[in-house]
Amino acid sequence: MQNSLTTAGQDSRTGISLEPNFARHTIRMVSESRTELPGAAVSLAEYIEEKFIPNHVSSKTSAGRMHYQAILKHILTPETVERIFAPSGSKSRLRTLPDWPYLDHVRLCDLTSDHVRRLVMSASTRGYSPQTIKHIKNVVGRVISHARKEGFFNGENPASEIKLPAILHRNVHRLTIAEAKAILRLMQYPEREIALITMTTGMTVSEICALRWKSVNLTDAPVYCDGEVIPPRHALVRQQQNDPDSVSPGASRMRIVEIPEPLARRLQRLRREMRHFEPETFLLENQGGTPLCPMDICSRLELIGREAGIPWLSWPALKRAHQTLLSDLRVQLSDELMLGVH
């Protein structure tokens, strides 16, 4: 049986291209010779594409693979990651930053803690959330751990030497209606729809990414879903566990969430615009029908926040904005948010 790294075609589980190239032959030839550490001839980008993704990432669920894809765009250039994952159908708006310390061409054997430290400091300087910075460090660490097991890296894991920046506990920011409308104008599908749902219902990003049409009742009569009754203009929401490798609800609790009339009208229009509607279809999805990755959505919001001059913008901040709508002005404020959003 041929080695999967030298077999043309695609991985049937992931759709990741397996066309042979120089990097694959380099890895195989150096591995077989064993005259020196294999990583001496392999760049980090080559190792991630030829070893880490086929042997580690491909074994994850679709949400897990999308999580790695989103975070790897802060380690390798986004264009490189898009090329590797292109068949999966997920597209990111992230583009290469001229001053970002990408590690594409760093030889695996030359990777040091300084490379990881520069990534962490760059993310911190640009105002990335502590969670995103932690994910960047952890993914680098997992790549190196995998390389050590396969004999492509010698020595201590450089990521283990890096201490993350201290989290500063600041006053909780409250998003105003004016700020909310400003960021909505900068958004596109699907983060715009997620922001609207979060601010008007209080649902989390993970809950929204896992929501299917069958769980949303936009009619004037009760409906049944999985043995549960969903009242008119309500949704059956399954609270998600904090597992980046899981998009489908596991042993999770359920709750009924009211859908304000302005949001209901927008969702009805969204459903009419769908070419192929099925009850099992995700409420929001990538092109090609694949589920959204919460981590990828979070990365996009950080970019929008910086563009709007709101560096503290986060999904929890949008979720807190829901409290503003819990008043007699709820419908009026919901209508204001929808105005000008196409």
C-alpha atoms as a PDB file:
ATOM      1  CA  MET A   1       0.000   0.000   0.000  1.00  0.00           C
ATOM      2  CA  GLN A   2       1.361   3.416  -0.951  1.00  0.00           C
ATOM      3  CA  ASN A   3       2.055   5.991   1.702  1.00  0.00           C
ATOM      4  CA  SER A   4      -0.792   8.523   1.823  1.00  0.00           C
ATOM      5  CA  LEU A   5       1.718  11.361   1.499  1.00  0.00           C
ATOM      6  CA  THR A   6       2.779  10.196  -1.970  1.00  0.00           C
ATOM      7  CA  THR A   7      -0.636   9.206  -3.305  1.00  0.00           C
ATOM      8  CA  ALA A   8      -2.336  11.666  -5.652  1.00  0.00           C
ATOM      9  CA  GLY A   9      -5.926  12.675  -5.077  1.00  0.00           C
ATOM     10  CA  GLN A  10      -7.828  13.839  -2.014  1.00  0.00           C
ATOM     11  CA  ASP A  11      -8.305  12.591   1.519  1.00  0.00           C
ATOM     12  CA  SER A  12     -11.868  11.221   1.439  1.00  0.00           C
ATOM     13  CA  ARG A  13     -12.488  12.346   5.028  1.00  0.00           C
ATOM     14  CA  THR A  14     -11.370  15.945   4.753  1.00  0.00           C
ATOM     15  CA  GLY A  15     -11.206  16.890   1.082  1.00  0.00           C
ATOM     16  CA  ILE A  16      -7.639  18.115   1.686  1.00  0.00           C
ATOM     17  CA  SER A  17      -5.549  17.896  -1.455  1.00  0.00           C
ATOM     18  CA  LEU A  18      -2.964  15.120  -1.453  1.00  0.00           C
ATOM     19  CA  GLU A  19      -1.258  15.919  -4.750  1.00  0.00           C
ATOM     20  CA  PRO A  20       2.458  15.002  -4.507  1.00  0.00           C
ATOM     21  CA  ASN A  21       4.996  17.801  -4.580  1.00  0.00           C
ATOM     22  CA  PHE A  22       8.615  18.502  -3.746  1.00  0.00           C
ATOM     23  CA  ALA A  23       7.904  18.892  -0.039  1.00  0.00           C
ATOM     24  CA  ARG A  24       6.442  15.362   0.237  1.00  0.00           C
ATOM     25  CA  HIS A  25       9.448  13.827  -1.509  1.00  0.00           C
ATOM     26  CA  THR A  26      11.783  15.830   0.721  1.00  0.00           C
ATOM     27  CA  ILE A  27      10.096  14.563   3.890  1.00  0.00           C
ATOM     28  CA  ARG A  28      10.052  10.971   2.680  1.00  0.00           C
ATOM     29  CA  MET A  29      13.641  10.891   1.398  1.00  0.00           C
ATOM     30  CA  VAL A  30      15.120  12.532   4.479  1.00  0.00           C
ATOM     31  CA  SER A  31      13.026  10.331   6.770  1.00  0.00           C
ATOM     32  CA  GLU A  32      14.299   7.193   5.035  1.00  0.00           C
ATOM     33  CA  SER A  33      17.949   8.251   5.063  1.00  0.00           C
ATOM     34  CA  ARG A  34      17.978   9.048   8.811  1.00  0.00           C
ATOM     35  CA  THR A  35      21.426  10.600   8.339  1.00  0.00           C
ATOM     36  CA  GLU A  36      20.252  13.751  10.040  1.00  0.00           C
ATOM     37  CA  LEU A  37      17.184  15.056  11.800  1.00  0.00           C
ATOM     38  CA  PRO A  38      14.379  15.082   9.161  1.00  0.00           C
ATOM     39  CA  GLY A  39      13.279  18.585  10.131  1.00  0.00           C
ATOM     40  CA  ALA A  40      16.584  19.980   8.858  1.00  0.00           C
ATOM     41  CA  ALA A  41      15.195  19.941   5.311  1.00  0.00           C
ATOM     42  CA  VAL A  42      11.566  20.856   6.030  1.00  0.00           C
ATOM     43  CA  SER A  43       9.923  24.228   6.625  1.00  0.00           C
ATOM     44  CA  LEU A  44       7.125  24.597   9.140  1.00  0.00           C
ATOM     45  CA  ALA A  45       4.573  25.162   6.353  1.00  0.00           C
ATOM     46  CA  GLU A  46       5.703  21.984   4.581  1.00  0.00           C
ATOM     47  CA  TYR A  47       5.509  19.930   7.754  1.00  0.00           C
ATOM     48  CA  ILE A  48       2.041  21.229   8.629  1.00  0.00           C
ATOM     49  CA  GLU A  49       0.754  20.461   5.137  1.00  0.00           C
ATOM     50  CA  GLU A  50       2.424  17.088   4.647  1.00  0.00           C
ATOM     51  CA  LYS A  51       2.373  15.613   8.138  1.00  0.00           C
ATOM     52  CA  PHE A  52       0.419  17.538  10.764  1.00  0.00           C
ATOM     53  CA  ILE A  53      -2.809  18.028   8.807  1.00  0.00           C
ATOM     54  CA  PRO A  54      -3.087  14.516   7.272  1.00  0.00           C
ATOM     55  CA  ASN A  55      -1.996  12.696  10.443  1.00  0.00           C
ATOM     56  CA  HIS A  56      -3.547  14.872  13.164  1.00  0.00           C
ATOM     57  CA  VAL A  57      -6.032  17.491  11.976  1.00  0.00           C
ATOM     58  CA  SER A  58      -7.828  15.141   9.565  1.00  0.00           C
ATOM     59  CA  SER A  59      -8.851  12.910  12.485  1.00  0.00           C
ATOM     60  CA  LYS A  60     -10.838  15.749  14.085  1.00  0.00           C
ATOM     61  CA  THR A  61     -14.493  16.561  13.557  1.00  0.00           C
ATOM     62  CA  SER A  62     -15.404  19.180  10.954  1.00  0.00           C
ATOM     63  CA  ALA A  63     -15.577  21.830  13.683  1.00  0.00           C
ATOM     64  CA  GLY A  64     -12.164  20.765  14.987  1.00  0.00           C
ATOM     65  CA  ARG A  65     -10.645  21.001  11.514  1.00  0.00           C
ATOM     66  CA  MET A  66     -12.130  24.468  11.034  1.00  0.00           C
ATOM     67  CA  HIS A  67     -10.748  25.507  14.429  1.00  0.00           C
ATOM     68  CA  TYR A  68      -7.230  24.547  13.329  1.00  0.00           C
ATOM     69  CA  GLN A  69      -7.761  26.266   9.979  1.00  0.00           C
ATOM     70  CA  ALA A  70      -8.766  29.521  11.694  1.00  0.00           C
ATOM     71  CA  ILE A  71      -5.832  29.560  14.132  1.00  0.00           C
ATOM     72  CA  LEU A  72      -3.215  28.432  11.601  1.00  0.00           C
ATOM     73  CA  LYS A  73      -3.935  31.659   9.680  1.00  0.00           C
ATOM     74  CA  HIS A  74      -2.157  33.480  12.513  1.00  0.00           C
ATOM     75  CA  ILE A  75       0.863  31.166  12.254  1.00  0.00           C
ATOM     76  CA  LEU A  76       1.204  30.723   8.487  1.00  0.00           C
ATOM     77  CA  THR A  77       0.062  33.262   5.915  1.00  0.00           C
ATOM     78  CA  PRO A  78      -3.714  33.083   5.396  1.00  0.00           C
ATOM     79  CA  GLU A  79      -3.172  32.441   1.693  1.00  0.00           C
ATOM     80  CA  THR A  80      -1.039  29.376   2.475  1.00  0.00           C
ATOM     81  CA  VAL A  81      -3.692  28.004   4.827  1.00  0.00           C
ATOM     82  CA  GLU A  82      -6.463  28.676   2.292  1.00  0.00           C
ATOM     83  CA  ARG A  83      -4.500  26.784  -0.364  1.00  0.00           C
ATOM     84  CA  ILE A  84      -4.091  23.785   1.931  1.00  0.00           C
ATOM     85  CA  PHE A  85      -7.728  23.748   3.073  1.00  0.00           C
ATOM     86  CA  ALA A  86      -9.293  25.109  -0.131  1.00  0.00           C
ATOM     87  CA  PRO A  87     -11.361  21.968  -0.942  1.00  0.00           C
ATOM     88  CA  SER A  88     -13.173  22.221   2.416  1.00  0.00           C
ATOM     89  CA  GLY A  89     -15.150  25.233   1.173  1.00  0.00           C
ATOM     90  CA  SER A  90     -14.452  27.533   4.160  1.00  0.00           C
ATOM     91  CA  LYS A  91     -13.240  30.992   3.187  1.00  0.00           C
ATOM     92  CA  SER A  92     -11.792  33.578   5.529  1.00  0.00           C
ATOM     93  CA  ARG A  93     -11.502  37.324   5.033  1.00  0.00           C
ATOM     94  CA  LEU A  94      -8.133  37.380   6.820  1.00  0.00           C
ATOM     95  CA  ARG A  95      -5.289  38.535   4.583  1.00  0.00           C
ATOM     96  CA  THR A  96      -1.528  38.557   5.014  1.00  0.00           C
ATOM     97  CA  LEU A  97      -0.293  41.400   7.223  1.00  0.00           C
ATOM     98  CA  PRO A  98       3.036  42.905   6.077  1.00  0.00           C
ATOM     99  CA  ASP A  99       4.530  43.117   9.579  1.00  0.00           C
ATOM    100  CA  TRP A 100       3.232  39.820  10.990  1.00  0.00           C
ATOM    101  CA  PRO A 101       5.940  37.236  11.944  1.00  0.00           C
ATOM    102  CA  TYR A 102       4.554  34.332   9.884  1.00  0.00           C
ATOM    103  CA  LEU A 103       6.493  31.072  10.150  1.00  0.00           C
ATOM    104  CA  ASP A 104       5.924  29.600   6.659  1.00  0.00           C
ATOM    105  CA  HIS A 105       9.583  29.452   5.657  1.00  0.00           C
ATOM    106  CA  VAL A 106      11.150  28.861   9.065  1.00  0.00           C
ATOM    107  CA  ARG A 107      12.870  25.466   9.040  1.00  0.00           C
ATOM    108  CA  LEU A 108      11.335  23.121  11.570  1.00  0.00           C
ATOM    109  CA  CYS A 109      14.712  22.447  13.173  1.00  0.00           C
ATOM    110  CA  ASP A 110      15.353  26.203  13.529  1.00  0.00           C
ATOM    111  CA  LEU A 111      12.093  27.004  15.306  1.00  0.00           C
ATOM    112  CA  THR A 112      12.731  28.578  18.710  1.00  0.00           C
ATOM    113  CA  SER A 113      10.783  30.162  21.537  1.00  0.00           C
ATOM    114  CA  ASP A 114      11.588  33.568  20.018  1.00  0.00           C
ATOM    115  CA  HIS A 115       9.447  32.712  16.972  1.00  0.00           C
ATOM    116  CA  VAL A 116       6.525  31.786  19.211  1.00  0.00           C
ATOM    117  CA  ARG A 117       7.078  34.834  21.422  1.00  0.00           C
ATOM    118  CA  ARG A 118       6.924  37.166  18.399  1.00  0.00           C
ATOM    119  CA  LEU A 119       3.602  35.636  17.359  1.00  0.00           C
ATOM    120  CA  VAL A 120       2.174  36.062  20.852  1.00  0.00           C
ATOM    121  CA  MET A 121       3.423  39.638  21.195  1.00  0.00           C
ATOM    122  CA  SER A 122       2.134  40.614  17.743  1.00  0.00           C
ATOM    123  CA  ALA A 123      -1.311  39.248  18.572  1.00  0.00           C
ATOM    124  CA  SER A 124      -1.284  41.034  21.922  1.00  0.00           C
ATOM    125  CA  THR A 125      -0.145  44.344  20.388  1.00  0.00           C
ATOM    126  CA  ARG A 126      -2.947  44.210  17.827  1.00  0.00           C
ATOM    127  CA  GLY A 127      -5.502  43.728  20.578  1.00  0.00           C
ATOM    128  CA  TYR A 128      -6.351  40.067  19.991  1.00  0.00           C
ATOM    129  CA  SER A 129      -8.405  38.503  22.758  1.00  0.00           C
ATOM    130  CA  PRO A 130      -6.556  36.462  25.438  1.00  0.00           C
ATOM    131  CA  GLN A 131      -8.401  33.364  24.222  1.00  0.00           C
ATOM    132  CA  THR A 132      -7.192  33.792  20.625  1.00  0.00           C
ATOM    133  CA  ILE A 133      -3.607  34.402  21.792  1.00  0.00           C
ATOM    134  CA  LYS A 134      -3.783  31.245  23.890  1.00  0.00           C
ATOM    135  CA  HIS A 135      -5.045  29.261  20.898  1.00  0.00           C
ATOM    136  CA  ILE A 136      -2.181  30.526  18.717  1.00  0.00           C
ATOM    137  CA  LYS A 137       0.412  29.390  21.263  1.00  0.00           C
ATOM    138  CA  ASN A 138      -1.325  26.051  21.820  1.00  0.00           C
ATOM    139  CA  VAL A 139      -1.563  25.210  18.116  1.00  0.00           C
ATOM    140  CA  VAL A 140       2.150  25.899  17.618  1.00  0.00           C
ATOM    141  CA  GLY A 141       2.789  23.667  20.621  1.00  0.00           C
ATOM    142  CA  ARG A 142       0.673  20.858  19.188  1.00  0.00           C
ATOM    143  CA  VAL A 143       2.463  21.028  15.846  1.00  0.00           C
ATOM    144  CA  ILE A 144       5.846  20.719  17.564  1.00  0.00           C
ATOM    145  CA  SER A 145       4.621  17.933  19.878  1.00  0.00           C
ATOM    146  CA  HIS A 146       3.501  16.012  16.799  1.00  0.00           C
ATOM    147  CA  ALA A 147       6.848  16.648  15.100  1.00  0.00           C
ATOM    148  CA  ARG A 148       8.751  15.377  18.163  1.00  0.00           C
ATOM    149  CA  LYS A 149       6.766  12.145  18.182  1.00  0.00           C
ATOM    150  CA  GLU A 150       7.519  11.558  14.501  1.00  0.00           C
ATOM    151  CA  GLY A 151      11.211  12.371  14.866  1.00  0.00           C
ATOM    152  CA  PHE A 152      11.121  15.692  13.034  1.00  0.00           C
ATOM    153  CA  PHE A 153      12.029  17.898  15.993  1.00  0.00           C
ATOM    154  CA  ASN A 154      14.585  17.482  18.737  1.00  0.00           C
ATOM    155  CA  GLY A 155      14.621  19.213  22.108  1.00  0.00           C
ATOM    156  CA  GLU A 156      12.083  20.960  24.301  1.00  0.00           C
ATOM    157  CA  ASN A 157       8.892  22.343  22.814  1.00  0.00           C
ATOM    158  CA  PRO A 158       9.497  26.095  22.211  1.00  0.00           C
ATOM    159  CA  ALA A 159       5.864  26.916  22.952  1.00  0.00           C
ATOM    160  CA  SER A 160       6.166  25.540  26.482  1.00  0.00           C
ATOM    161  CA  GLU A 161       8.645  28.298  27.366  1.00  0.00           C
ATOM    162  CA  ILE A 162       6.262  31.142  26.496  1.00  0.00           C
ATOM    163  CA  LYS A 163       4.211  32.825  29.172  1.00  0.00           C
ATOM    164  CA  LEU A 164       1.043  34.454  27.944  1.00  0.00           C
ATOM    165  CA  PRO A 165       0.504  38.181  28.622  1.00  0.00           C
ATOM    166  CA  ALA A 166      -1.282  38.879  31.877  1.00  0.00           C
ATOM    167  CA  ILE A 167      -4.994  39.433  31.497  1.00  0.00           C
ATOM    168  CA  LEU A 168      -5.879  42.927  32.623  1.00  0.00           C
ATOM    169  CA  HIS A 169      -9.212  43.116  34.338  1.00  0.00           C
ATOM    170  CA  ARG A 170     -10.826  46.277  33.057  1.00  0.00           C
ATOM    171  CA  ASN A 171     -14.186  47.860  33.434  1.00  0.00           C
ATOM    172  CA  VAL A 172     -16.859  46.033  31.489  1.00  0.00           C
ATOM    173  CA  HIS A 173     -17.639  47.899  28.278  1.00  0.00           C
ATOM    174  CA  ARG A 174     -21.253  48.442  27.321  1.00  0.00           C
ATOM    175  CA  LEU A 175     -22.038  48.647  23.636  1.00  0.00           C
ATOM    176  CA  THR A 176     -24.336  51.519  22.724  1.00  0.00           C
ATOM    177  CA  ILE A 177     -27.042  51.318  20.069  1.00  0.00           C
ATOM    178  CA  ALA A 178     -25.038  53.768  17.911  1.00  0.00           C
ATOM    179  CA  GLU A 179     -21.919  51.575  18.175  1.00  0.00           C
ATOM    180  CA  ALA A 180     -23.956  48.461  17.435  1.00  0.00           C
ATOM    181  CA  LYS A 181     -25.355  49.984  14.255  1.00  0.00           C
ATOM    182  CA  ALA A 182     -21.872  51.159  13.230  1.00  0.00           C
ATOM    183  CA  ILE A 183     -20.335  47.684  13.440  1.00  0.00           C
ATOM    184  CA  LEU A 184     -23.341  46.079  11.721  1.00  0.00           C
ATOM    185  CA  ARG A 185     -22.700  48.343   8.723  1.00  0.00           C
ATOM    186  CA  LEU A 186     -19.160  46.952   8.500  1.00  0.00           C
ATOM    187  CA  MET A 187     -20.260  43.338   8.753  1.00  0.00           C
ATOM    188  CA  GLN A 188     -21.190  40.852   6.077  1.00  0.00           C
ATOM    189  CA  TYR A 189     -22.748  37.403   6.180  1.00  0.00           C
ATOM    190  CA  PRO A 190     -22.505  35.415   8.440  1.00  0.00           C
ATOM    191  CA  GLU A 191     -21.042  37.520  11.280  1.00  0.00           C
ATOM    192  CA  ARG A 192     -23.700  40.203  10.669  1.00  0.00           C
ATOM    193  CA  GLU A 193     -26.513  37.689  11.205  1.00  0.00           C
ATOM    194  CA  ILE A 194     -24.746  36.207  14.250  1.00  0.00           C
ATOM    195  CA  ALA A 195     -24.361  39.688  15.748  1.00  0.00           C
ATOM    196  CA  LEU A 196     -28.054  40.448  15.217  1.00  0.00           C
ATOM    197  CA  ILE A 197     -29.111  37.153  16.790  1.00  0.00           C
ATOM    198  CA  THR A 198     -26.721  37.589  19.722  1.00  0.00           C
ATOM    199  CA  MET A 199     -27.824  41.146  20.506  1.00  0.00           C
ATOM    200  CA  THR A 200     -31.544  40.454  20.198  1.00  0.00           C
ATOM    201  CA  THR A 201     -31.708  37.017  21.876  1.00  0.00           C
ATOM    202  CA  GLY A 202     -28.615  36.696  24.084  1.00  0.00           C
ATOM    203  CA  MET A 203     -27.529  33.452  22.396  1.00  0.00           C
ATOM    204  CA  THR A 204     -23.817  32.607  22.293  1.00  0.00           C
ATOM    205  CA  VAL A 205     -21.807  32.184  19.096  1.00  0.00           C
ATOM    206  CA  SER A 206     -21.459  28.427  19.677  1.00  0.00           C
ATOM    207  CA  GLU A 207     -25.218  28.072  20.150  1.00  0.00           C
ATOM    208  CA  ILE A 208     -25.936  30.014  16.963  1.00  0.00           C
ATOM    209  CA  CYS A 209     -23.393  28.034  14.901  1.00  0.00           C
ATOM    210  CA  ALA A 210     -25.066  24.787  16.001  1.00  0.00           C
ATOM    211  CA  LEU A 211     -28.654  25.994  15.444  1.00  0.00           C
ATOM    212  CA  ARG A 212     -30.662  24.236  12.720  1.00  0.00           C
ATOM    213  CA  TRP A 213     -33.804  25.470  10.981  1.00  0.00           C
ATOM    214  CA  LYS A 214     -35.922  22.701  12.483  1.00  0.00           C
ATOM    215  CA  SER A 215     -35.315  24.254  15.913  1.00  0.00           C
ATOM    216  CA  VAL A 216     -36.560  27.704  14.882  1.00  0.00           C
ATOM    217  CA  ASN A 217     -40.308  28.352  14.842  1.00  0.00           C
ATOM    218  CA  LEU A 218     -41.160  31.453  12.829  1.00  0.00           C
ATOM    219  CA  THR A 219     -44.846  30.559  12.508  1.00  0.00           C
ATOM    220  CA  ASP A 220     -47.874  31.663  14.505  1.00  0.00           C
ATOM    221  CA  ALA A 221     -48.524  28.178  15.911  1.00  0.00           C
ATOM    222  CA  PRO A 222     -46.567  25.805  18.186  1.00  0.00           C
ATOM    223  CA  VAL A 223     -44.421  23.156  16.476  1.00  0.00           C
ATOM    224  CA  TYR A 224     -42.721  19.986  17.681  1.00  0.00           C
ATOM    225  CA  CYS A 225     -38.986  19.318  17.412  1.00  0.00           C
ATOM    226  CA  ASP A 226     -37.251  16.252  18.840  1.00  0.00           C
ATOM    227  CA  GLY A 227     -40.134  15.692  21.232  1.00  0.00           C
ATOM    228  CA  GLU A 228     -40.142  19.300  22.452  1.00  0.00           C
ATOM    229  CA  VAL A 229     -42.811  21.950  21.877  1.00  0.00           C
ATOM    230  CA  ILE A 230     -41.526  25.219  20.424  1.00  0.00           C
ATOM    231  CA  PRO A 231     -43.917  28.155  20.899  1.00  0.00           C
ATOM    232  CA  PRO A 232     -44.566  30.636  18.065  1.00  0.00           C
ATOM    233  CA  ARG A 233     -41.628  32.987  17.388  1.00  0.00           C
ATOM    234  CA  HIS A 234     -39.258  30.978  19.578  1.00  0.00           C
ATOM    235  CA  ALA A 235     -36.218  28.739  19.080  1.00  0.00           C
ATOM    236  CA  LEU A 236     -35.128  25.550  20.821  1.00  0.00           C
ATOM    237  CA  VAL A 237     -31.515  26.149  21.836  1.00  0.00           C
ATOM    238  CA  ARG A 238     -29.124  23.495  23.025  1.00  0.00           C
ATOM    239  CA  GLN A 239     -26.453  24.954  25.264  1.00  0.00           C
ATOM    240  CA  GLN A 240     -23.026  24.035  23.917  1.00  0.00           C
ATOM    241  CA  GLN A 241     -20.141  22.557  25.837  1.00  0.00           C
ATOM    242  CA  ASN A 242     -16.775  24.336  25.653  1.00  0.00           C
ATOM    243  CA  ASP A 243     -15.351  21.899  23.112  1.00  0.00           C
ATOM    244  CA  PRO A 244     -13.744  23.374  19.962  1.00  0.00           C
ATOM    245  CA  ASP A 245     -13.867  19.920  18.325  1.00  0.00           C
ATOM    246  CA  SER A 246     -17.624  19.601  18.664  1.00  0.00           C
ATOM    247  CA  VAL A 247     -20.333  21.416  16.750  1.00  0.00           C
ATOM    248  CA  SER A 248     -23.199  19.034  17.448  1.00  0.00           C
ATOM    249  CA  PRO A 249     -24.709  19.235  20.923  1.00  0.00           C
ATOM    250  CA  GLY A 250     -23.628  16.474  23.247  1.00  0.00           C
ATOM    251  CA  ALA A 251     -25.156  15.936  26.657  1.00  0.00           C
ATOM    252  CA  SER A 252     -26.357  19.522  26.789  1.00  0.00           C
ATOM    253  CA  ARG A 253     -29.303  21.318  28.321  1.00  0.00           C
ATOM    254  CA  MET A 254     -32.069  22.872  26.267  1.00  0.00           C
ATOM    255  CA  ARG A 255     -33.882  26.161  26.621  1.00  0.00           C
ATOM    256  CA  ILE A 256     -36.525  28.093  24.726  1.00  0.00           C
ATOM    257  CA  VAL A 257     -35.470  31.520  23.420  1.00  0.00           C
ATOM    258  CA  GLU A 258     -37.893  34.186  22.194  1.00  0.00           C
ATOM    259  CA  ILE A 259     -37.307  35.590  18.706  1.00  0.00           C
ATOM    260  CA  PRO A 260     -38.232  39.312  18.539  1.00  0.00           C
ATOM    261  CA  GLU A 261     -40.513  40.226  15.639  1.00  0.00           C
ATOM    262  CA  PRO A 262     -37.850  42.251  13.722  1.00  0.00           C
ATOM    263  CA  LEU A 263     -35.431  39.307  13.895  1.00  0.00           C
ATOM    264  CA  ALA A 264     -38.190  36.878  12.889  1.00  0.00           C
ATOM    265  CA  ARG A 265     -38.856  38.922   9.744  1.00  0.00           C
ATOM    266  CA  ARG A 266     -35.159  38.919   8.866  1.00  0.00           C
ATOM    267  CA  LEU A 267     -34.857  35.145   9.363  1.00  0.00           C
ATOM    268  CA  GLN A 268     -37.938  34.581   7.202  1.00  0.00           C
ATOM    269  CA  ARG A 269     -36.279  36.546   4.415  1.00  0.00           C
ATOM    270  CA  LEU A 270     -33.046  34.605   4.885  1.00  0.00           C
ATOM    271  CA  ARG A 271     -34.914  31.306   4.524  1.00  0.00           C
ATOM    272  CA  ARG A 272     -36.704  32.498   1.367  1.00  0.00           C
ATOM    273  CA  GLU A 273     -33.335  33.313  -0.180  1.00  0.00           C
ATOM    274  CA  MET A 274     -31.984  29.803   0.425  1.00  0.00           C
ATOM    275  CA  ARG A 275     -31.720  27.680  -2.719  1.00  0.00           C
ATOM    276  CA  HIS A 276     -32.108  24.379  -0.921  1.00  0.00           C
ATOM    277  CA  PHE A 277     -33.956  24.380   2.378  1.00  0.00           C
ATOM    278  CA  GLU A 278     -34.092  21.350   4.650  1.00  0.00           C
ATOM    279  CA  PRO A 279     -35.108  21.242   8.346  1.00  0.00           C
ATOM    280  CA  GLU A 280     -31.700  19.733   9.219  1.00  0.00           C
ATOM    281  CA  THR A 281     -29.852  22.560   7.488  1.00  0.00           C
ATOM    282  CA  PHE A 282     -27.822  24.827   9.755  1.00  0.00           C
ATOM    283  CA  LEU A 283     -29.401  28.242  10.238  1.00  0.00           C
ATOM    284  CA  LEU A 284     -26.120  29.842   9.123  1.00  0.00           C
ATOM    285  CA  GLU A 285     -23.404  28.036   7.210  1.00  0.00           C
ATOM    286  CA  ASN A 286     -20.404  28.430   4.937  1.00  0.00           C
ATOM    287  CA  GLN A 287     -20.628  28.166   1.196  1.00  0.00           C
ATOM    288  CA  GLY A 288     -21.004  24.506   0.390  1.00  0.00           C
ATOM    289  CA  GLY A 289     -23.164  23.790   3.418  1.00  0.00           C
ATOM    290  CA  THR A 290     -20.408  23.225   5.981  1.00  0.00           C
ATOM    291  CA  PRO A 291     -21.029  24.404   9.573  1.00  0.00           C
ATOM    292  CA  LEU A 292     -19.479  27.618  10.839  1.00  0.00           C
ATOM    293  CA  CYS A 293     -16.483  27.513  13.169  1.00  0.00           C
ATOM    294  CA  PRO A 294     -16.979  29.719  16.279  1.00  0.00           C
ATOM    295  CA  MET A 295     -13.233  30.458  16.499  1.00  0.00           C
ATOM    296  CA  ASP A 296     -13.125  31.700  12.912  1.00  0.00           C
ATOM    297  CA  ILE A 297     -16.094  33.976  13.610  1.00  0.00           C
ATOM    298  CA  CYS A 298     -14.345  35.382  16.699  1.00  0.00           C
ATOM    299  CA  SER A 299     -11.229  36.239  14.670  1.00  0.00           C
ATOM    300  CA  ARG A 300     -13.322  38.173  12.154  1.00  0.00           C
ATOM    301  CA  LEU A 301     -14.992  40.217  14.876  1.00  0.00           C
ATOM    302  CA  GLU A 302     -11.632  41.384  16.226  1.00  0.00           C
ATOM    303  CA  LEU A 303     -10.755  42.802  12.804  1.00  0.00           C
ATOM    304  CA  ILE A 304     -14.125  44.572  12.568  1.00  0.00           C
ATOM    305  CA  GLY A 305     -13.700  46.045  16.047  1.00  0.00           C
ATOM    306  CA  ARG A 306     -10.347  47.588  15.153  1.00  0.00           C
ATOM    307  CA  GLU A 307     -11.778  49.002  11.909  1.00  0.00           C
ATOM    308  CA  ALA A 308     -14.706  50.535  13.800  1.00  0.00           C
ATOM    309  CA  GLY A 309     -12.443  52.038  16.476  1.00  0.00           C
ATOM    310  CA  ILE A 310     -13.824  49.697  19.143  1.00  0.00           C
ATOM    311  CA  PRO A 311     -10.746  47.608  20.103  1.00  0.00           C
ATOM    312  CA  TRP A 312     -12.549  45.986  23.041  1.00  0.00           C
ATOM    313  CA  LEU A 313     -15.281  44.572  20.803  1.00  0.00           C
ATOM    314  CA  SER A 314     -15.987  40.899  21.450  1.00  0.00           C
ATOM    315  CA  TRP A 315     -18.866  38.470  21.199  1.00  0.00           C
ATOM    316  CA  PRO A 316     -19.424  38.615  24.984  1.00  0.00           C
ATOM    317  CA  ALA A 317     -19.746  42.404  24.581  1.00  0.00           C
ATOM    318  CA  LEU A 318     -22.395  41.908  21.903  1.00  0.00           C
ATOM    319  CA  LYS A 319     -24.140  39.385  24.127  1.00  0.00           C
ATOM    320  CA  ARG A 320     -24.182  41.927  26.970  1.00  0.00           C
ATOM    321  CA  ALA A 321     -25.882  44.362  24.593  1.00  0.00           C
ATOM    322  CA  HIS A 322     -28.881  42.033  24.809  1.00  0.00           C
ATOM    323  CA  GLN A 323     -29.505  43.373  28.301  1.00  0.00           C
ATOM    324  CA  THR A 324     -30.116  46.820  26.804  1.00  0.00           C
ATOM    325  CA  LEU A 325     -32.994  45.352  24.836  1.00  0.00           C
ATOM    326  CA  LEU A 326     -34.681  43.821  27.890  1.00  0.00           C
ATOM    327  CA  SER A 327     -36.941  46.791  28.482  1.00  0.00           C
ATOM    328  CA  ASP A 328     -40.139  48.345  27.222  1.00  0.00           C
ATOM    329  CA  LEU A 329     -38.158  49.660  24.246  1.00  0.00           C
ATOM    330  CA  ARG A 330     -37.077  46.178  23.181  1.00  0.00           C
ATOM    331  CA  VAL A 331     -38.993  46.010  19.900  1.00  0.00           C
ATOM    332  CA  GLN A 332     -38.148  49.603  19.024  1.00  0.00           C
ATOM    333  CA  LEU A 333     -34.432  49.051  19.620  1.00  0.00           C
ATOM    334  CA  SER A 334     -34.523  45.769  17.697  1.00  0.00           C
ATOM    335  CA  ASP A 335     -36.088  47.611  14.760  1.00  0.00           C
ATOM    336  CA  GLU A 336     -33.346  50.253  14.943  1.00  0.00           C
ATOM    337  CA  LEU A 337     -30.666  47.585  14.729  1.00  0.00           C
ATOM    338  CA  MET A 338     -32.278  46.072  11.643  1.00  0.00           C
ATOM    339  CA  LEU A 339     -32.539  49.418   9.839  1.00  0.00           C
ATOM    340  CA  GLY A 340     -29.933  49.806   7.149  1.00  0.00           C
ATOM    341  CA  VAL A 341     -28.826  46.157   7.397  1.00  0.00           C
ATOM    342  CA  HIS A 342     -29.252  44.448   4.042  1.00  0.00           C
END
